[in-house]
Amino acid sequence: MAQSREPFVSLLLYHLFKWSVVSPTLYAYFRGRIYGAENVPQQGPLVVVSNHASYFDPPILSCCVRRPVAYMAKEELFHIPILGTAIRLYGAYPVNRGAADRSAIRSALKYLEAGWATGVYLEGSRTPDGRITAPKLGAALLAAKAQAPLLPVSLWGTQGILKQGSTLPRPVPITVRIGTVIDPPSSTDRGELQAVTQQCVAAIQALHDLGR
């Protein structure tokens, strides 16, 4: 049976990083706007699905949903002293890039069982305009296996944070819109996974189309 909340030490680290770094940067530097935060269940397993256009997306999204969100990270990062422990406590889980699909599913399910929100980008990788054109079924599969609701989130403007060849983030306006939860598929039948995935895509695209 799934736990209702993330571990206390992870919540503590999340709030420390959020209020000291992420939130001030989001509001003061990126002039961030957040809509729909009241739609986020604050307890229990949750699959957060969104578009993806920037390396800055994970901390921004986690800050806006007001609870830690577990994301996959490349395995090599976990071998770095201190950093490996810190990102694990913050919710990152290691994925072997040679067997990413299988290991990611197993790790994500463990986090869902422990009461975490787990983040999945529907496209699977960054897109240049923040749109979703080729969604994967992984998020729906996770939701079906864990019987966890899905939460659609639109990240608008993050593709402009870093320009090609630049290392400094640009102060572009960012808007995050959070939709209402979507029920998980009742089974892992491919047709049902596709239907729920398309429902998530439609919700995110509609939020994204609202713009700033």
C-alpha atoms as a PDB file:
ATOM      1  CA  MET A   1       0.000   0.000   0.000  1.00  0.00           C
ATOM      2  CA  ALA A   2       1.349   3.434  -0.956  1.00  0.00           C
ATOM      3  CA  GLN A   3       2.430   5.896   1.710  1.00  0.00           C
ATOM      4  CA  SER A   4       0.673   9.265   1.849  1.00  0.00           C
ATOM      5  CA  ARG A   5       3.724  11.579   1.882  1.00  0.00           C
ATOM      6  CA  GLU A   6       7.348  11.874   0.959  1.00  0.00           C
ATOM      7  CA  PRO A   7       9.967  11.240   3.710  1.00  0.00           C
ATOM      8  CA  PHE A   8      10.423  14.102   6.170  1.00  0.00           C
ATOM      9  CA  VAL A   9      14.081  14.694   5.250  1.00  0.00           C
ATOM     10  CA  SER A  10      13.132  15.019   1.570  1.00  0.00           C
ATOM     11  CA  LEU A  11      10.381  17.512   2.395  1.00  0.00           C
ATOM     12  CA  LEU A  12      12.844  19.515   4.484  1.00  0.00           C
ATOM     13  CA  LEU A  13      15.432  19.599   1.691  1.00  0.00           C
ATOM     14  CA  TYR A  14      12.763  20.479  -0.863  1.00  0.00           C
ATOM     15  CA  HIS A  15      11.483  23.485   1.097  1.00  0.00           C
ATOM     16  CA  LEU A  16      15.026  24.663   1.887  1.00  0.00           C
ATOM     17  CA  PHE A  17      16.037  24.636  -1.797  1.00  0.00           C
ATOM     18  CA  LYS A  18      12.691  26.005  -2.968  1.00  0.00           C
ATOM     19  CA  TRP A  19      12.555  29.047  -0.714  1.00  0.00           C
ATOM     20  CA  SER A  20      16.268  29.890  -0.807  1.00  0.00           C
ATOM     21  CA  VAL A  21      16.943  29.429  -4.540  1.00  0.00           C
ATOM     22  CA  VAL A  22      14.150  28.329  -6.880  1.00  0.00           C
ATOM     23  CA  SER A  23      11.220  30.493  -5.792  1.00  0.00           C
ATOM     24  CA  PRO A  24      13.183  33.794  -5.602  1.00  0.00           C
ATOM     25  CA  THR A  25      14.714  33.089  -9.025  1.00  0.00           C
ATOM     26  CA  LEU A  26      11.376  32.142 -10.573  1.00  0.00           C
ATOM     27  CA  TYR A  27       9.524  35.223  -9.333  1.00  0.00           C
ATOM     28  CA  ALA A  28      12.240  37.891  -9.363  1.00  0.00           C
ATOM     29  CA  TYR A  29      14.327  36.876 -12.371  1.00  0.00           C
ATOM     30  CA  PHE A  30      11.833  35.053 -14.616  1.00  0.00           C
ATOM     31  CA  ARG A  31       8.758  37.067 -13.499  1.00  0.00           C
ATOM     32  CA  GLY A  32       7.025  33.738 -12.963  1.00  0.00           C
ATOM     33  CA  ARG A  33       3.254  33.317 -12.980  1.00  0.00           C
ATOM     34  CA  ILE A  34       1.546  30.192 -11.639  1.00  0.00           C
ATOM     35  CA  TYR A  35      -2.049  29.239 -12.274  1.00  0.00           C
ATOM     36  CA  GLY A  36      -3.943  26.235 -10.919  1.00  0.00           C
ATOM     37  CA  ALA A  37      -1.746  25.341  -7.929  1.00  0.00           C
ATOM     38  CA  GLU A  38      -4.934  24.540  -6.014  1.00  0.00           C
ATOM     39  CA  ASN A  39      -5.461  21.569  -8.371  1.00  0.00           C
ATOM     40  CA  VAL A  40      -2.469  19.660  -6.980  1.00  0.00           C
ATOM     41  CA  PRO A  41      -3.189  16.808  -4.521  1.00  0.00           C
ATOM     42  CA  GLN A  42      -0.770  17.381  -1.649  1.00  0.00           C
ATOM     43  CA  GLN A  43      -0.718  13.773  -0.477  1.00  0.00           C
ATOM     44  CA  GLY A  44      -0.454  10.377  -2.074  1.00  0.00           C
ATOM     45  CA  PRO A  45       1.184   9.140  -5.285  1.00  0.00           C
ATOM     46  CA  LEU A  46       0.834  11.395  -8.306  1.00  0.00           C
ATOM     47  CA  VAL A  47       2.168  11.267 -11.873  1.00  0.00           C
ATOM     48  CA  VAL A  48       2.976  14.810 -12.991  1.00  0.00           C
ATOM     49  CA  VAL A  49       3.062  15.094 -16.792  1.00  0.00           C
ATOM     50  CA  SER A  50       4.269  18.120 -18.709  1.00  0.00           C
ATOM     51  CA  ASN A  51       5.902  19.454 -21.812  1.00  0.00           C
ATOM     52  CA  HIS A  52       9.678  19.968 -21.704  1.00  0.00           C
ATOM     53  CA  ALA A  53      11.894  22.596 -23.318  1.00  0.00           C
ATOM     54  CA  SER A  54      14.649  23.449 -20.813  1.00  0.00           C
ATOM     55  CA  TYR A  55      17.082  22.015 -18.269  1.00  0.00           C
ATOM     56  CA  PHE A  56      15.436  24.408 -15.808  1.00  0.00           C
ATOM     57  CA  ASP A  57      12.051  22.668 -16.060  1.00  0.00           C
ATOM     58  CA  PRO A  58      12.409  20.128 -13.179  1.00  0.00           C
ATOM     59  CA  PRO A  59      13.061  22.635 -10.340  1.00  0.00           C
ATOM     60  CA  ILE A  60      10.524  25.116 -11.750  1.00  0.00           C
ATOM     61  CA  LEU A  61       7.799  22.489 -11.979  1.00  0.00           C
ATOM     62  CA  SER A  62       8.555  21.031  -8.551  1.00  0.00           C
ATOM     63  CA  CYS A  63       8.461  24.524  -7.025  1.00  0.00           C
ATOM     64  CA  CYS A  64       5.102  25.325  -8.614  1.00  0.00           C
ATOM     65  CA  VAL A  65       3.274  22.142  -7.552  1.00  0.00           C
ATOM     66  CA  ARG A  66       4.292  22.814  -3.923  1.00  0.00           C
ATOM     67  CA  ARG A  67       5.628  19.318  -3.256  1.00  0.00           C
ATOM     68  CA  PRO A  68       8.737  17.368  -4.256  1.00  0.00           C
ATOM     69  CA  VAL A  69       8.649  15.732  -7.677  1.00  0.00           C
ATOM     70  CA  ALA A  70      10.897  12.739  -8.331  1.00  0.00           C
ATOM     71  CA  TYR A  71      12.722  12.736 -11.674  1.00  0.00           C
ATOM     72  CA  MET A  72      15.138  10.366 -13.332  1.00  0.00           C
ATOM     73  CA  ALA A  73      18.785  11.450 -13.570  1.00  0.00           C
ATOM     74  CA  LYS A  74      21.772   9.845 -15.242  1.00  0.00           C
ATOM     75  CA  GLU A  75      23.462   7.243 -13.088  1.00  0.00           C
ATOM     76  CA  GLU A  76      26.874   8.940 -13.119  1.00  0.00           C
ATOM     77  CA  LEU A  77      25.626  11.839 -10.987  1.00  0.00           C
ATOM     78  CA  PHE A  78      24.971   9.521  -8.056  1.00  0.00           C
ATOM     79  CA  HIS A  79      28.660   8.582  -7.825  1.00  0.00           C
ATOM     80  CA  ILE A  80      29.670  12.187  -7.037  1.00  0.00           C
ATOM     81  CA  PRO A  81      30.264  12.664  -3.278  1.00  0.00           C
ATOM     82  CA  ILE A  82      27.625  14.754  -1.479  1.00  0.00           C
ATOM     83  CA  LEU A  83      25.812  15.583  -4.748  1.00  0.00           C
ATOM     84  CA  GLY A  84      24.681  11.977  -5.152  1.00  0.00           C
ATOM     85  CA  THR A  85      23.162  11.876  -1.680  1.00  0.00           C
ATOM     86  CA  ALA A  86      21.598  15.324  -2.025  1.00  0.00           C
ATOM     87  CA  ILE A  87      19.831  14.702  -5.325  1.00  0.00           C
ATOM     88  CA  ARG A  88      18.588  11.315  -4.101  1.00  0.00           C
ATOM     89  CA  LEU A  89      17.038  12.941  -1.030  1.00  0.00           C
ATOM     90  CA  TYR A  90      15.553  15.604  -3.303  1.00  0.00           C
ATOM     91  CA  GLY A  91      13.827  12.892  -5.330  1.00  0.00           C
ATOM     92  CA  ALA A  92      16.120  12.085  -8.231  1.00  0.00           C
ATOM     93  CA  TYR A  93      16.565   8.419  -9.062  1.00  0.00           C
ATOM     94  CA  PRO A  94      19.361   6.892 -11.157  1.00  0.00           C
ATOM     95  CA  VAL A  95      18.726   5.494 -14.614  1.00  0.00           C
ATOM     96  CA  ASN A  96      21.137   3.456 -16.665  1.00  0.00           C
ATOM     97  CA  ARG A  97      20.905   5.048 -20.089  1.00  0.00           C
ATOM     98  CA  GLY A  98      21.512   1.677 -21.738  1.00  0.00           C
ATOM     99  CA  ALA A  99      18.285   0.269 -20.245  1.00  0.00           C
ATOM    100  CA  ALA A 100      16.442   3.492 -19.481  1.00  0.00           C
ATOM    101  CA  ASP A 101      12.870   2.344 -20.052  1.00  0.00           C
ATOM    102  CA  ARG A 102      12.954  -0.696 -17.746  1.00  0.00           C
ATOM    103  CA  SER A 103      14.991   0.864 -14.944  1.00  0.00           C
ATOM    104  CA  ALA A 104      13.015   4.116 -15.058  1.00  0.00           C
ATOM    105  CA  ILE A 105       9.691   2.327 -14.712  1.00  0.00           C
ATOM    106  CA  ARG A 106      10.919   0.257 -11.757  1.00  0.00           C
ATOM    107  CA  SER A 107      12.426   3.253  -9.966  1.00  0.00           C
ATOM    108  CA  ALA A 108       9.438   5.503 -10.598  1.00  0.00           C
ATOM    109  CA  LEU A 109       7.042   2.873  -9.253  1.00  0.00           C
ATOM    110  CA  LYS A 110       9.094   2.625  -6.041  1.00  0.00           C
ATOM    111  CA  TYR A 111       8.780   6.376  -5.548  1.00  0.00           C
ATOM    112  CA  LEU A 112       5.045   6.307  -6.204  1.00  0.00           C
ATOM    113  CA  GLU A 113       4.650   3.516  -3.650  1.00  0.00           C
ATOM    114  CA  ALA A 114       6.509   5.720  -1.151  1.00  0.00           C
ATOM    115  CA  GLY A 115       3.975   8.538  -1.631  1.00  0.00           C
ATOM    116  CA  TRP A 116       5.945  10.740  -4.009  1.00  0.00           C
ATOM    117  CA  ALA A 117       4.827  12.733  -6.998  1.00  0.00           C
ATOM    118  CA  THR A 118       6.801  11.456  -9.981  1.00  0.00           C
ATOM    119  CA  GLY A 119       7.500  13.653 -12.989  1.00  0.00           C
ATOM    120  CA  VAL A 120       7.362  12.434 -16.583  1.00  0.00           C
ATOM    121  CA  TYR A 121       7.847  14.482 -19.734  1.00  0.00           C
ATOM    122  CA  LEU A 122       5.377  13.176 -22.290  1.00  0.00           C
ATOM    123  CA  GLU A 123       7.739  13.801 -25.203  1.00  0.00           C
ATOM    124  CA  GLY A 124      10.549  12.006 -23.388  1.00  0.00           C
ATOM    125  CA  SER A 125      13.043  14.764 -24.204  1.00  0.00           C
ATOM    126  CA  ARG A 126      13.244  18.514 -24.752  1.00  0.00           C
ATOM    127  CA  THR A 127      11.490  20.118 -27.722  1.00  0.00           C
ATOM    128  CA  PRO A 128      12.520  23.480 -29.225  1.00  0.00           C
ATOM    129  CA  ASP A 129       9.116  25.138 -28.835  1.00  0.00           C
ATOM    130  CA  GLY A 130       7.701  23.410 -25.766  1.00  0.00           C
ATOM    131  CA  ARG A 131       5.049  21.613 -27.826  1.00  0.00           C
ATOM    132  CA  ILE A 132       4.296  17.887 -27.608  1.00  0.00           C
ATOM    133  CA  THR A 133       4.307  16.169 -30.987  1.00  0.00           C
ATOM    134  CA  ALA A 134       5.330  12.574 -30.278  1.00  0.00           C
ATOM    135  CA  PRO A 135       4.078  11.569 -26.797  1.00  0.00           C
ATOM    136  CA  LYS A 136       5.295   8.373 -25.180  1.00  0.00           C
ATOM    137  CA  LEU A 137       3.095   5.982 -23.181  1.00  0.00           C
ATOM    138  CA  GLY A 138       5.368   5.741 -20.126  1.00  0.00           C
ATOM    139  CA  ALA A 139       3.399   8.143 -17.918  1.00  0.00           C
ATOM    140  CA  ALA A 140       0.101   6.362 -18.560  1.00  0.00           C
ATOM    141  CA  LEU A 141       1.773   3.011 -17.931  1.00  0.00           C
ATOM    142  CA  LEU A 142       3.116   4.234 -14.589  1.00  0.00           C
ATOM    143  CA  ALA A 143      -0.282   5.602 -13.622  1.00  0.00           C
ATOM    144  CA  ALA A 144      -1.972   2.322 -14.559  1.00  0.00           C
ATOM    145  CA  LYS A 145       0.490   0.181 -12.594  1.00  0.00           C
ATOM    146  CA  ALA A 146       0.381   2.415  -9.494  1.00  0.00           C
ATOM    147  CA  GLN A 147      -3.251   3.460  -9.926  1.00  0.00           C
ATOM    148  CA  ALA A 148      -2.094   7.021  -9.392  1.00  0.00           C
ATOM    149  CA  PRO A 149      -3.825  10.051 -10.943  1.00  0.00           C
ATOM    150  CA  LEU A 150      -2.087  12.114 -13.608  1.00  0.00           C
ATOM    151  CA  LEU A 151      -1.630  15.873 -13.310  1.00  0.00           C
ATOM    152  CA  PRO A 152      -1.147  17.841 -16.574  1.00  0.00           C
ATOM    153  CA  VAL A 153       1.148  20.864 -16.367  1.00  0.00           C
ATOM    154  CA  SER A 154       2.138  23.383 -19.042  1.00  0.00           C
ATOM    155  CA  LEU A 155       5.516  25.119 -18.884  1.00  0.00           C
ATOM    156  CA  TRP A 156       5.367  28.215 -21.094  1.00  0.00           C
ATOM    157  CA  GLY A 157       8.451  30.235 -22.066  1.00  0.00           C
ATOM    158  CA  THR A 158      11.189  27.998 -20.660  1.00  0.00           C
ATOM    159  CA  GLN A 159      12.608  27.306 -24.142  1.00  0.00           C
ATOM    160  CA  GLY A 160      13.954  30.861 -24.117  1.00  0.00           C
ATOM    161  CA  ILE A 161      15.983  30.559 -20.917  1.00  0.00           C
ATOM    162  CA  LEU A 162      19.152  29.313 -22.604  1.00  0.00           C
ATOM    163  CA  LYS A 163      20.133  30.202 -26.148  1.00  0.00           C
ATOM    164  CA  GLN A 164      22.395  27.856 -28.090  1.00  0.00           C
ATOM    165  CA  GLY A 165      26.018  28.387 -27.109  1.00  0.00           C
ATOM    166  CA  SER A 166      25.119  30.422 -24.005  1.00  0.00           C
ATOM    167  CA  THR A 167      25.693  29.374 -20.390  1.00  0.00           C
ATOM    168  CA  LEU A 168      23.843  32.259 -18.716  1.00  0.00           C
ATOM    169  CA  PRO A 169      20.069  32.046 -18.240  1.00  0.00           C
ATOM    170  CA  ARG A 170      18.101  34.865 -19.861  1.00  0.00           C
ATOM    171  CA  PRO A 171      15.420  36.692 -17.791  1.00  0.00           C
ATOM    172  CA  VAL A 172      12.518  35.567 -19.978  1.00  0.00           C
ATOM    173  CA  PRO A 173       8.945  35.519 -18.605  1.00  0.00           C
ATOM    174  CA  ILE A 174       7.786  32.066 -17.445  1.00  0.00           C
ATOM    175  CA  THR A 175       4.201  30.928 -16.967  1.00  0.00           C
ATOM    176  CA  VAL A 176       3.195  27.617 -15.377  1.00  0.00           C
ATOM    177  CA  ARG A 177      -0.389  26.412 -15.718  1.00  0.00           C
ATOM    178  CA  ILE A 178      -1.605  23.368 -13.773  1.00  0.00           C
ATOM    179  CA  GLY A 179      -4.669  21.485 -14.951  1.00  0.00           C
ATOM    180  CA  THR A 180      -7.067  19.196 -13.130  1.00  0.00           C
ATOM    181  CA  VAL A 181      -6.169  15.595 -12.342  1.00  0.00           C
ATOM    182  CA  ILE A 182      -6.885  12.863 -14.857  1.00  0.00           C
ATOM    183  CA  ASP A 183      -7.896   9.391 -13.720  1.00  0.00           C
ATOM    184  CA  PRO A 184      -5.349   6.637 -14.381  1.00  0.00           C
ATOM    185  CA  PRO A 185      -6.009   3.919 -16.966  1.00  0.00           C
ATOM    186  CA  SER A 186      -7.832   0.959 -15.426  1.00  0.00           C
ATOM    187  CA  SER A 187      -5.421  -1.478 -17.109  1.00  0.00           C
ATOM    188  CA  THR A 188      -2.194  -1.573 -19.102  1.00  0.00           C
ATOM    189  CA  ASP A 189      -4.063  -2.280 -22.330  1.00  0.00           C
ATOM    190  CA  ARG A 190      -2.264  -0.341 -25.065  1.00  0.00           C
ATOM    191  CA  GLY A 191      -5.440   1.221 -26.420  1.00  0.00           C
ATOM    192  CA  GLU A 192      -6.357   2.550 -22.996  1.00  0.00           C
ATOM    193  CA  LEU A 193      -2.816   3.851 -22.413  1.00  0.00           C
ATOM    194  CA  GLN A 194      -2.973   5.695 -25.727  1.00  0.00           C
ATOM    195  CA  ALA A 195      -6.363   7.206 -24.927  1.00  0.00           C
ATOM    196  CA  VAL A 196      -5.239   8.547 -21.526  1.00  0.00           C
ATOM    197  CA  THR A 197      -1.956   9.798 -23.016  1.00  0.00           C
ATOM    198  CA  GLN A 198      -3.861  11.765 -25.648  1.00  0.00           C
ATOM    199  CA  GLN A 199      -6.114  13.164 -22.914  1.00  0.00           C
ATOM    200  CA  CYS A 200      -3.006  14.415 -21.104  1.00  0.00           C
ATOM    201  CA  VAL A 201      -1.551  15.885 -24.305  1.00  0.00           C
ATOM    202  CA  ALA A 202      -4.785  17.707 -25.112  1.00  0.00           C
ATOM    203  CA  ALA A 203      -4.949  19.172 -21.593  1.00  0.00           C
ATOM    204  CA  ILE A 204      -1.336  20.384 -21.694  1.00  0.00           C
ATOM    205  CA  GLN A 205      -1.642  21.838 -25.190  1.00  0.00           C
ATOM    206  CA  ALA A 206      -4.819  23.699 -24.207  1.00  0.00           C
ATOM    207  CA  LEU A 207      -3.060  25.195 -21.173  1.00  0.00           C
ATOM    208  CA  HIS A 208       0.008  26.056 -23.286  1.00  0.00           C
ATOM    209  CA  ASP A 209      -2.144  27.815 -25.871  1.00  0.00           C
ATOM    210  CA  LEU A 210      -3.288  30.255 -23.183  1.00  0.00           C
ATOM    211  CA  GLY A 211       0.218  31.728 -23.305  1.00  0.00           C
ATOM    212  CA  ARG A 212       1.441  34.265 -20.803  1.00  0.00           C
END
